[in-house]
Amino acid sequence: MPQLNPSPWFAILVFSWLVFLTIVVPKTLSHTFPNDPTPQSTKTPKTESWTWLWT
């Protein structure tokens, strides 16, 4: 049963994580968004209570 021998699978796992952490993550983190989010005001808007028509 070859799946019981961990040496080739562990090496593949470690190599794939090294590739992921050194190449893929910095590429995705380097992307910037063209529009920065605008800050919302901290004031709460004044709301009027709604009058129910059937009461």
Protein backbone atom coordinates (compact mmCIF):
# COMPACT_ATOMS: atom_id res chain seq x y z
CA MET A 1 0.00 0.00 0.00
CA PRO A 2 1.84 3.11 -1.17
CA GLN A 3 -0.35 5.55 0.76
CA LEU A 4 1.15 4.30 4.04
CA ASN A 5 4.61 5.54 3.07
CA PRO A 6 4.56 9.25 4.09
CA SER A 7 7.87 10.32 2.59
CA PRO A 8 6.82 11.27 -0.98
CA TRP A 9 3.47 12.73 0.08
CA PHE A 10 4.97 14.77 2.89
CA ALA A 11 7.58 16.20 0.51
CA ILE A 12 4.87 17.12 -1.99
CA LEU A 13 2.81 18.73 0.77
CA VAL A 14 5.74 20.77 2.07
CA PHE A 15 6.80 21.84 -1.42
CA SER A 16 3.28 22.88 -2.41
CA TRP A 17 2.90 24.96 0.79
CA LEU A 18 6.26 26.61 0.19
CA VAL A 19 5.17 27.54 -3.33
CA PHE A 20 1.86 28.80 -2.03
CA LEU A 21 3.40 30.92 0.72
CA THR A 22 6.24 32.37 -1.35
CA ILE A 23 4.50 33.02 -4.68
CA VAL A 24 0.73 33.07 -4.45
CA VAL A 25 0.21 34.96 -1.19
CA PRO A 26 2.45 37.96 -2.01
CA LYS A 27 0.87 38.24 -5.46
CA THR A 28 -2.63 38.40 -4.05
CA LEU A 29 -1.67 40.78 -1.25
CA SER A 30 0.00 43.19 -3.67
CA HIS A 31 -3.29 43.95 -5.44
CA THR A 32 -4.76 47.33 -4.64
CA PHE A 33 -8.28 48.52 -5.07
CA PRO A 34 -8.78 51.54 -7.35
CA ASN A 35 -11.34 53.19 -5.07
CA ASP A 36 -10.65 53.71 -1.41
CA PRO A 37 -13.71 53.37 0.80
CA THR A 38 -15.14 56.64 1.98
CA PRO A 39 -15.51 56.98 5.74
CA GLN A 40 -19.03 57.03 7.07
CA SER A 41 -20.20 59.76 9.37
CA THR A 42 -20.53 58.85 13.01
CA LYS A 43 -23.74 60.79 13.50
CA THR A 44 -26.88 58.73 13.57
CA PRO A 45 -29.58 60.03 11.26
CA LYS A 46 -32.71 61.35 12.90
CA THR A 47 -35.60 59.07 12.04
CA GLU A 48 -39.26 59.84 12.28
CA SER A 49 -41.65 57.29 13.70
CA TRP A 50 -43.97 55.86 11.15
CA THR A 51 -47.68 56.29 11.65
CA TRP A 52 -49.59 53.10 10.94
CA LEU A 53 -52.58 53.58 8.71
CA TRP A 54 -54.87 51.11 10.48
CA THR A 55 -54.47 52.41 14.02
